[in-house]
Each structure stands twice: as structure tokens, then as C-alpha cells.
Amino acid sequence: MPRQLRKVKDTPELRVFDATVRDYNTAEARLFKLRDKLVEDAIAAIRAGLSIAEAARRSGYSREHLSRLYADANKRDGWVKPPEQTD
């Protein structure tokens, strides 16, 4: 019989455990959203002139990983670095 179909006596410990599981799942979902936002914000900062190495240092990602995410985002968005203006 699958584990979730077994009858379990409802106890205070079980209710506390279930509440902790719900809290953990909520925090995990929020963490996934924040991780996506962190990557998008890092890419925006790099496009605005921040170096990949500095963005990696601030975000906690490796430079190589962030560089790969940046390249993938540029392909996805069709973004091309504007030419530098010389006066």
C-alpha cells in the first residue's frame, strides 16, 4: 500500500510536522523565485556595465556559470552589446 494512503493517527507531533513541511515548501518556492530574479538582475547589471566577475562575486555564482547564463540570455533575448562611443 502506498505510504500516503496509510492511516496515521493524528497527533500533535504530526500536526507540527505537517506545518513544518508546509512552511518548508513555501520557503522553497520563494527561494526558486528569488533565484530566478537574482539571475535576471545579474544579467541586467552586466548589460549595464558591471563585469561578469564582479556580478559573480556579489551573487555567489561562479564566473563561468554566470557567463554561461549571460550568454544564454543574450541569445534568448537577441541582445547585442551596443558599440562603444568614442569622442
PDB file of N, CA and C in Angstrom:
ATOM      1  N   MET A   1       0.848  -1.184   0.000  1.00  0.00           N
ATOM      2  CA  MET A   1       0.000   0.000   0.000  1.00  0.00           C
ATOM      3  C   MET A   1       0.892   1.245   0.000  1.00  0.00           C
ATOM      4  N   PRO A   2       0.599   2.212  -0.857  1.00  0.00           N
ATOM      5  CA  PRO A   2       1.415   3.437  -0.879  1.00  0.00           C
ATOM      6  C   PRO A   2       1.399   4.134   0.472  1.00  0.00           C
ATOM      7  N   ARG A   3       2.508   4.752   0.764  1.00  0.00           N
ATOM      8  CA  ARG A   3       2.689   5.380   2.068  1.00  0.00           C
ATOM      9  C   ARG A   3       1.627   6.447   2.355  1.00  0.00           C
ATOM     10  N   GLN A   4       1.249   7.247   1.344  1.00  0.00           N
ATOM     11  CA  GLN A   4       0.304   8.338   1.591  1.00  0.00           C
ATOM     12  C   GLN A   4      -1.122   7.847   1.854  1.00  0.00           C
ATOM     13  N   LEU A   5      -1.420   6.586   1.533  1.00  0.00           N
ATOM     14  CA  LEU A   5      -2.764   6.071   1.754  1.00  0.00           C
ATOM     15  C   LEU A   5      -2.925   5.384   3.105  1.00  0.00           C
ATOM     16  N   ARG A   6      -1.845   5.177   3.821  1.00  0.00           N
ATOM     17  CA  ARG A   6      -1.928   4.531   5.123  1.00  0.00           C
ATOM     18  C   ARG A   6      -2.585   5.472   6.122  1.00  0.00           C
ATOM     19  N   LYS A   7      -3.367   4.902   6.978  1.00  0.00           N
ATOM     20  CA  LYS A   7      -3.993   5.695   8.048  1.00  0.00           C
ATOM     21  C   LYS A   7      -2.973   5.919   9.152  1.00  0.00           C
ATOM     22  N   VAL A   8      -2.826   7.169   9.536  1.00  0.00           N
ATOM     23  CA  VAL A   8      -1.908   7.522  10.607  1.00  0.00           C
ATOM     24  C   VAL A   8      -2.705   8.261  11.658  1.00  0.00           C
ATOM     25  N   LYS A   9      -2.470   7.869  12.887  1.00  0.00           N
ATOM     26  CA  LYS A   9      -3.164   8.519  13.990  1.00  0.00           C
ATOM     27  C   LYS A   9      -2.745   9.990  14.052  1.00  0.00           C
ATOM     28  N   ASP A  10      -3.729  10.877  14.129  1.00  0.00           N
ATOM     29  CA  ASP A  10      -3.454  12.310  14.204  1.00  0.00           C
ATOM     30  C   ASP A  10      -2.950  12.638  15.599  1.00  0.00           C
ATOM     31  N   THR A  11      -1.743  13.171  15.665  1.00  0.00           N
ATOM     32  CA  THR A  11      -1.129  13.523  16.945  1.00  0.00           C
ATOM     33  C   THR A  11      -0.635  14.963  16.865  1.00  0.00           C
ATOM     34  N   PRO A  12      -0.377  15.572  17.992  1.00  0.00           N
ATOM     35  CA  PRO A  12       0.182  16.930  17.962  1.00  0.00           C
ATOM     36  C   PRO A  12       1.519  16.985  17.222  1.00  0.00           C
ATOM     37  N   GLU A  13       2.340  15.953  17.367  1.00  0.00           N
ATOM     38  CA  GLU A  13       3.621  15.913  16.679  1.00  0.00           C
ATOM     39  C   GLU A  13       3.431  15.870  15.167  1.00  0.00           C
ATOM     40  N   LEU A  14       2.436  15.125  14.723  1.00  0.00           N
ATOM     41  CA  LEU A  14       2.157  15.031  13.297  1.00  0.00           C
ATOM     42  C   LEU A  14       1.677  16.373  12.753  1.00  0.00           C
ATOM     43  N   ARG A  15       0.854  17.074  13.507  1.00  0.00           N
ATOM     44  CA  ARG A  15       0.389  18.394  13.063  1.00  0.00           C
ATOM     45  C   ARG A  15       1.552  19.388  12.985  1.00  0.00           C
ATOM     46  N   VAL A  16       2.466  19.332  13.965  1.00  0.00           N
ATOM     47  CA  VAL A  16       3.641  20.199  13.945  1.00  0.00           C
ATOM     48  C   VAL A  16       4.512  19.856  12.735  1.00  0.00           C
ATOM     49  N   PHE A  17       4.688  18.558  12.479  1.00  0.00           N
ATOM     50  CA  PHE A  17       5.469  18.115  11.326  1.00  0.00           C
ATOM     51  C   PHE A  17       4.842  18.601  10.024  1.00  0.00           C
ATOM     52  N   ASP A  18       3.532  18.440   9.879  1.00  0.00           N
ATOM     53  CA  ASP A  18       2.842  18.889   8.672  1.00  0.00           C
ATOM     54  C   ASP A  18       2.981  20.401   8.472  1.00  0.00           C
ATOM     55  N   ALA A  19       2.904  21.161   9.565  1.00  0.00           N
ATOM     56  CA  ALA A  19       3.065  22.612   9.471  1.00  0.00           C
ATOM     57  C   ALA A  19       4.489  22.964   9.028  1.00  0.00           C
ATOM     58  N   THR A  20       5.463  22.243   9.540  1.00  0.00           N
ATOM     59  CA  THR A  20       6.848  22.481   9.153  1.00  0.00           C
ATOM     60  C   THR A  20       7.060  22.155   7.680  1.00  0.00           C
ATOM     61  N   VAL A  21       6.462  21.073   7.209  1.00  0.00           N
ATOM     62  CA  VAL A  21       6.563  20.707   5.799  1.00  0.00           C
ATOM     63  C   VAL A  21       5.947  21.792   4.926  1.00  0.00           C
ATOM     64  N   ARG A  22       4.790  22.312   5.316  1.00  0.00           N
ATOM     65  CA  ARG A  22       4.159  23.390   4.549  1.00  0.00           C
ATOM     66  C   ARG A  22       5.045  24.631   4.527  1.00  0.00           C
ATOM     67  N   ASP A  23       5.609  24.987   5.684  1.00  0.00           N
ATOM     68  CA  ASP A  23       6.496  26.153   5.754  1.00  0.00           C
ATOM     69  C   ASP A  23       7.722  25.960   4.865  1.00  0.00           C
ATOM     70  N   TYR A  24       8.284  24.771   4.899  1.00  0.00           N
ATOM     71  CA  TYR A  24       9.463  24.470   4.080  1.00  0.00           C
ATOM     72  C   TYR A  24       9.124  24.572   2.597  1.00  0.00           C
ATOM     73  N   ASN A  25       8.006  24.009   2.188  1.00  0.00           N
ATOM     74  CA  ASN A  25       7.606  24.062   0.779  1.00  0.00           C
ATOM     75  C   ASN A  25       7.363  25.494   0.326  1.00  0.00           C
ATOM     76  N   THR A  26       6.775  26.305   1.189  1.00  0.00           N
ATOM     77  CA  THR A  26       6.547  27.715   0.871  1.00  0.00           C
ATOM     78  C   THR A  26       7.883  28.446   0.716  1.00  0.00           C
ATOM     79  N   ALA A  27       8.807  28.199   1.649  1.00  0.00           N
ATOM     80  CA  ALA A  27      10.119  28.840   1.584  1.00  0.00           C
ATOM     81  C   ALA A  27      10.888  28.383   0.347  1.00  0.00           C
ATOM     82  N   GLU A  28      10.782  27.113   0.014  1.00  0.00           N
ATOM     83  CA  GLU A  28      11.475  26.584  -1.158  1.00  0.00           C
ATOM     84  C   GLU A  28      10.943  27.221  -2.442  1.00  0.00           C
ATOM     85  N   ALA A  29       9.633  27.371  -2.546  1.00  0.00           N
ATOM     86  CA  ALA A  29       9.043  28.012  -3.725  1.00  0.00           C
ATOM     87  C   ALA A  29       9.505  29.461  -3.829  1.00  0.00           C
ATOM     88  N   ARG A  30       9.555  30.148  -2.692  1.00  0.00           N
ATOM     89  CA  ARG A  30      10.016  31.542  -2.684  1.00  0.00           C
ATOM     90  C   ARG A  30      11.489  31.621  -3.073  1.00  0.00           C
ATOM     91  N   LEU A  31      12.276  30.671  -2.606  1.00  0.00           N
ATOM     92  CA  LEU A  31      13.689  30.645  -2.938  1.00  0.00           C
ATOM     93  C   LEU A  31      13.900  30.456  -4.437  1.00  0.00           C
ATOM     94  N   PHE A  32      13.109  29.585  -5.071  1.00  0.00           N
ATOM     95  CA  PHE A  32      13.222  29.384  -6.515  1.00  0.00           C
ATOM     96  C   PHE A  32      12.909  30.670  -7.265  1.00  0.00           C
ATOM     97  N   LYS A  33      11.885  31.395  -6.824  1.00  0.00           N
ATOM     98  CA  LYS A  33      11.541  32.659  -7.477  1.00  0.00           C
ATOM     99  C   LYS A  33      12.656  33.690  -7.294  1.00  0.00           C
ATOM    100  N   LEU A  34      13.210  33.745  -6.087  1.00  0.00           N
ATOM    101  CA  LEU A  34      14.287  34.700  -5.828  1.00  0.00           C
ATOM    102  C   LEU A  34      15.553  34.347  -6.605  1.00  0.00           C
ATOM    103  N   ARG A  35      15.808  33.051  -6.777  1.00  0.00           N
ATOM    104  CA  ARG A  35      16.982  32.642  -7.548  1.00  0.00           C
ATOM    105  C   ARG A  35      16.838  33.093  -9.000  1.00  0.00           C
ATOM    106  N   ASP A  36      15.648  32.938  -9.562  1.00  0.00           N
ATOM    107  CA  ASP A  36      15.412  33.397 -10.931  1.00  0.00           C
ATOM    108  C   ASP A  36      15.575  34.912 -11.031  1.00  0.00           C
ATOM    109  N   LYS A  37      15.059  35.631 -10.043  1.00  0.00           N
ATOM    110  CA  LYS A  37      15.185  37.096 -10.034  1.00  0.00           C
ATOM    111  C   LYS A  37      16.645  37.512  -9.892  1.00  0.00           C
ATOM    112  N   LEU A  38      17.403  36.790  -9.071  1.00  0.00           N
ATOM    113  CA  LEU A  38      18.822  37.090  -8.900  1.00  0.00           C
ATOM    114  C   LEU A  38      19.565  36.969 -10.221  1.00  0.00           C
ATOM    115  N   VAL A  39      19.297  35.928 -10.965  1.00  0.00           N
ATOM    116  CA  VAL A  39      19.962  35.733 -12.254  1.00  0.00           C
ATOM    117  C   VAL A  39      19.565  36.844 -13.225  1.00  0.00           C
ATOM    118  N   GLU A  40      18.275  37.143 -13.310  1.00  0.00           N
ATOM    119  CA  GLU A  40      17.830  38.197 -14.235  1.00  0.00           C
ATOM    120  C   GLU A  40      18.409  39.556 -13.856  1.00  0.00           C
ATOM    121  N   ASP A  41      18.470  39.853 -12.554  1.00  0.00           N
ATOM    122  CA  ASP A  41      19.049  41.126 -12.117  1.00  0.00           C
ATOM    123  C   ASP A  41      20.549  41.178 -12.384  1.00  0.00           C
ATOM    124  N   ALA A  42      21.229  40.044 -12.227  1.00  0.00           N
ATOM    125  CA  ALA A  42      22.661  39.993 -12.514  1.00  0.00           C
ATOM    126  C   ALA A  42      22.906  40.232 -14.005  1.00  0.00           C
ATOM    127  N   ILE A  43      22.083  39.641 -14.841  1.00  0.00           N
ATOM    128  CA  ILE A  43      22.220  39.823 -16.292  1.00  0.00           C
ATOM    129  C   ILE A  43      21.975  41.286 -16.655  1.00  0.00           C
ATOM    130  N   ALA A  44      20.963  41.895 -16.046  1.00  0.00           N
ATOM    131  CA  ALA A  44      20.689  43.315 -16.309  1.00  0.00           C
ATOM    132  C   ALA A  44      21.864  44.189 -15.865  1.00  0.00           C
ATOM    133  N   ALA A  45      22.466  43.853 -14.731  1.00  0.00           N
ATOM    134  CA  ALA A  45      23.604  44.631 -14.243  1.00  0.00           C
ATOM    135  C   ALA A  45      24.814  44.473 -15.161  1.00  0.00           C
ATOM    136  N   ILE A  46      25.024  43.257 -15.660  1.00  0.00           N
ATOM    137  CA  ILE A  46      26.135  43.031 -16.596  1.00  0.00           C
ATOM    138  C   ILE A  46      25.905  43.818 -17.875  1.00  0.00           C
ATOM    139  N   ARG A  47      24.688  43.813 -18.353  1.00  0.00           N
ATOM    140  CA  ARG A  47      24.369  44.574 -19.567  1.00  0.00           C
ATOM    141  C   ARG A  47      24.563  46.070 -19.352  1.00  0.00           C
ATOM    142  N   ALA A  48      24.408  46.516 -18.103  1.00  0.00           N
ATOM    143  CA  ALA A  48      24.573  47.938 -17.789  1.00  0.00           C
ATOM    144  C   ALA A  48      26.030  48.315 -17.545  1.00  0.00           C
ATOM    145  N   GLY A  49      26.931  47.306 -17.570  1.00  0.00           N
ATOM    146  CA  GLY A  49      28.342  47.643 -17.451  1.00  0.00           C
ATOM    147  C   GLY A  49      29.090  46.968 -16.323  1.00  0.00           C
ATOM    148  N   LEU A  50      28.435  46.255 -15.432  1.00  0.00           N
ATOM    149  CA  LEU A  50      29.116  45.542 -14.354  1.00  0.00           C
ATOM    150  C   LEU A  50      29.851  44.339 -14.952  1.00  0.00           C
ATOM    151  N   SER A  51      31.042  44.081 -14.482  1.00  0.00           N
ATOM    152  CA  SER A  51      31.787  42.943 -15.029  1.00  0.00           C
ATOM    153  C   SER A  51      31.157  41.632 -14.562  1.00  0.00           C
ATOM    154  N   ILE A  52      31.340  40.594 -15.366  1.00  0.00           N
ATOM    155  CA  ILE A  52      30.801  39.281 -15.010  1.00  0.00           C
ATOM    156  C   ILE A  52      31.454  38.798 -13.724  1.00  0.00           C
ATOM    157  N   ALA A  53      32.756  39.048 -13.568  1.00  0.00           N
ATOM    158  CA  ALA A  53      33.462  38.618 -12.358  1.00  0.00           C
ATOM    159  C   ALA A  53      32.881  39.295 -11.113  1.00  0.00           C
ATOM    160  N   GLU A  54      32.595  40.588 -11.200  1.00  0.00           N
ATOM    161  CA  GLU A  54      32.025  41.300 -10.046  1.00  0.00           C
ATOM    162  C   GLU A  54      30.601  40.836  -9.763  1.00  0.00           C
ATOM    163  N   ALA A  55      29.815  40.618 -10.812  1.00  0.00           N
ATOM    164  CA  ALA A  55      28.452  40.114 -10.614  1.00  0.00           C
ATOM    165  C   ALA A  55      28.488  38.730  -9.984  1.00  0.00           C
ATOM    166  N   ALA A  56      29.445  37.906 -10.398  1.00  0.00           N
ATOM    167  CA  ALA A  56      29.587  36.567  -9.819  1.00  0.00           C
ATOM    168  C   ALA A  56      29.977  36.662  -8.353  1.00  0.00           C
ATOM    169  N   ARG A  57      30.900  37.555  -8.029  1.00  0.00           N
ATOM    170  CA  ARG A  57      31.322  37.721  -6.635  1.00  0.00           C
ATOM    171  C   ARG A  57      30.155  38.139  -5.746  1.00  0.00           C
ATOM    172  N   ARG A  58      29.358  39.080  -6.243  1.00  0.00           N
ATOM    173  CA  ARG A  58      28.225  39.581  -5.456  1.00  0.00           C
ATOM    174  C   ARG A  58      27.100  38.570  -5.334  1.00  0.00           C
ATOM    175  N   SER A  59      26.880  37.770  -6.378  1.00  0.00           N
ATOM    176  CA  SER A  59      25.743  36.849  -6.384  1.00  0.00           C
ATOM    177  C   SER A  59      26.053  35.498  -5.761  1.00  0.00           C
ATOM    178  N   GLY A  60      27.331  35.140  -5.713  1.00  0.00           N
ATOM    179  CA  GLY A  60      27.687  33.832  -5.179  1.00  0.00           C
ATOM    180  C   GLY A  60      27.793  32.748  -6.236  1.00  0.00           C
ATOM    181  N   TYR A  61      27.497  33.078  -7.468  1.00  0.00           N
ATOM    182  CA  TYR A  61      27.669  32.135  -8.569  1.00  0.00           C
ATOM    183  C   TYR A  61      29.126  32.155  -9.011  1.00  0.00           C
ATOM    184  N   SER A  62      29.568  31.089  -9.679  1.00  0.00           N
ATOM    185  CA  SER A  62      30.911  31.115 -10.254  1.00  0.00           C
ATOM    186  C   SER A  62      30.877  32.005 -11.499  1.00  0.00           C
ATOM    187  N   ARG A  63      32.031  32.550 -11.849  1.00  0.00           N
ATOM    188  CA  ARG A  63      32.116  33.404 -13.023  1.00  0.00           C
ATOM    189  C   ARG A  63      31.733  32.629 -14.279  1.00  0.00           C
ATOM    190  N   GLU A  64      32.165  31.368 -14.358  1.00  0.00           N
ATOM    191  CA  GLU A  64      31.870  30.548 -15.521  1.00  0.00           C
ATOM    192  C   GLU A  64      30.368  30.289 -15.656  1.00  0.00           C
ATOM    193  N   HIS A  65      29.725  29.983 -14.533  1.00  0.00           N
ATOM    194  CA  HIS A  65      28.287  29.704 -14.561  1.00  0.00           C
ATOM    195  C   HIS A  65      27.507  30.953 -14.969  1.00  0.00           C
ATOM    196  N   LEU A  66      27.858  32.086 -14.369  1.00  0.00           N
ATOM    197  CA  LEU A  66      27.154  33.325 -14.679  1.00  0.00           C
ATOM    198  C   LEU A  66      27.416  33.745 -16.123  1.00  0.00           C
ATOM    199  N   SER A  67      28.615  33.504 -16.619  1.00  0.00           N
ATOM    200  CA  SER A  67      28.925  33.811 -18.013  1.00  0.00           C
ATOM    201  C   SER A  67      28.057  32.976 -18.950  1.00  0.00           C
ATOM    202  N   ARG A  68      27.865  31.710 -18.614  1.00  0.00           N
ATOM    203  CA  ARG A  68      27.013  30.841 -19.433  1.00  0.00           C
ATOM    204  C   ARG A  68      25.560  31.312 -19.394  1.00  0.00           C
ATOM    205  N   LEU A  69      25.071  31.681 -18.216  1.00  0.00           N
ATOM    206  CA  LEU A  69      23.697  32.185 -18.102  1.00  0.00           C
ATOM    207  C   LEU A  69      23.532  33.477 -18.896  1.00  0.00           C
ATOM    208  N   TYR A  70      24.548  34.337 -18.846  1.00  0.00           N
ATOM    209  CA  TYR A  70      24.536  35.605 -19.573  1.00  0.00           C
ATOM    210  C   TYR A  70      24.487  35.365 -21.079  1.00  0.00           C
ATOM    211  N   ALA A  71      25.316  34.457 -21.560  1.00  0.00           N
ATOM    212  CA  ALA A  71      25.337  34.148 -22.999  1.00  0.00           C
ATOM    213  C   ALA A  71      24.000  33.554 -23.441  1.00  0.00           C
ATOM    214  N   ASP A  72      23.442  32.669 -22.634  1.00  0.00           N
ATOM    215  CA  ASP A  72      22.142  32.073 -22.974  1.00  0.00           C
ATOM    216  C   ASP A  72      21.043  33.136 -23.003  1.00  0.00           C
ATOM    217  N   ALA A  73      21.078  34.061 -22.041  1.00  0.00           N
ATOM    218  CA  ALA A  73      20.071  35.127 -22.002  1.00  0.00           C
ATOM    219  C   ALA A  73      20.209  36.047 -23.206  1.00  0.00           C
ATOM    220  N   ASN A  74      21.438  36.317 -23.618  1.00  0.00           N
ATOM    221  CA  ASN A  74      21.648  37.174 -24.785  1.00  0.00           C
ATOM    222  C   ASN A  74      21.098  36.518 -26.045  1.00  0.00           C
ATOM    223  N   LYS A  75      21.311  35.218 -26.188  1.00  0.00           N
ATOM    224  CA  LYS A  75      20.744  34.502 -27.338  1.00  0.00           C
ATOM    225  C   LYS A  75      19.223  34.508 -27.276  1.00  0.00           C
ATOM    226  N   ARG A  76      18.694  34.262 -26.082  1.00  0.00           N
ATOM    227  CA  ARG A  76      17.244  34.216 -25.901  1.00  0.00           C
ATOM    228  C   ARG A  76      16.599  35.560 -26.219  1.00  0.00           C
ATOM    229  N   ASP A  77      17.213  36.644 -25.758  1.00  0.00           N
ATOM    230  CA  ASP A  77      16.641  37.981 -25.915  1.00  0.00           C
ATOM    231  C   ASP A  77      17.078  38.674 -27.198  1.00  0.00           C
ATOM    232  N   GLY A  78      18.060  38.108 -27.892  1.00  0.00           N
ATOM    233  CA  GLY A  78      18.581  38.767 -29.082  1.00  0.00           C
ATOM    234  C   GLY A  78      19.335  40.041 -28.748  1.00  0.00           C
ATOM    235  N   TRP A  79      19.911  40.090 -27.543  1.00  0.00           N
ATOM    236  CA  TRP A  79      20.594  41.296 -27.082  1.00  0.00           C
ATOM    237  C   TRP A  79      21.999  41.350 -27.648  1.00  0.00           C
ATOM    238  N   VAL A  80      22.391  42.505 -28.158  1.00  0.00           N
ATOM    239  CA  VAL A  80      23.732  42.720 -28.668  1.00  0.00           C
ATOM    240  C   VAL A  80      24.293  43.946 -27.943  1.00  0.00           C
ATOM    241  N   LYS A  81      25.529  43.812 -27.472  1.00  0.00           N
ATOM    242  CA  LYS A  81      26.157  44.928 -26.759  1.00  0.00           C
ATOM    243  C   LYS A  81      26.284  46.119 -27.702  1.00  0.00           C
ATOM    244  N   PRO A  82      25.824  47.289 -27.274  1.00  0.00           N
ATOM    245  CA  PRO A  82      25.928  48.467 -28.149  1.00  0.00           C
ATOM    246  C   PRO A  82      27.405  48.839 -28.368  1.00  0.00           C
ATOM    247  N   PRO A  83      27.718  49.378 -29.545  1.00  0.00           N
ATOM    248  CA  PRO A  83      29.111  49.763 -29.799  1.00  0.00           C
ATOM    249  C   PRO A  83      29.524  50.888 -28.868  1.00  0.00           C
ATOM    250  N   GLU A  84      30.788  50.855 -28.484  1.00  0.00           N
ATOM    251  CA  GLU A  84      31.301  51.909 -27.607  1.00  0.00           C
ATOM    252  C   GLU A  84      31.459  53.188 -28.387  1.00  0.00           C
ATOM    253  N   GLN A  85      31.076  54.287 -27.772  1.00  0.00           N
ATOM    254  CA  GLN A  85      31.170  55.577 -28.433  1.00  0.00           C
ATOM    255  C   GLN A  85      32.511  56.215 -28.101  1.00  0.00           C
ATOM    256  N   THR A  86      33.192  56.655 -29.117  1.00  0.00           N
ATOM    257  CA  THR A  86      34.448  57.362 -28.898  1.00  0.00           C
ATOM    258  C   THR A  86      34.255  58.814 -29.305  1.00  0.00           C
ATOM    259  N   ASP A  87      34.719  59.678 -28.477  1.00  0.00           N
ATOM    260  CA  ASP A  87      34.562  61.114 -28.751  1.00  0.00           C
ATOM    261  C   ASP A  87      35.800  61.684 -29.358  1.00  0.00           C
TER     262      ASP A  87
END
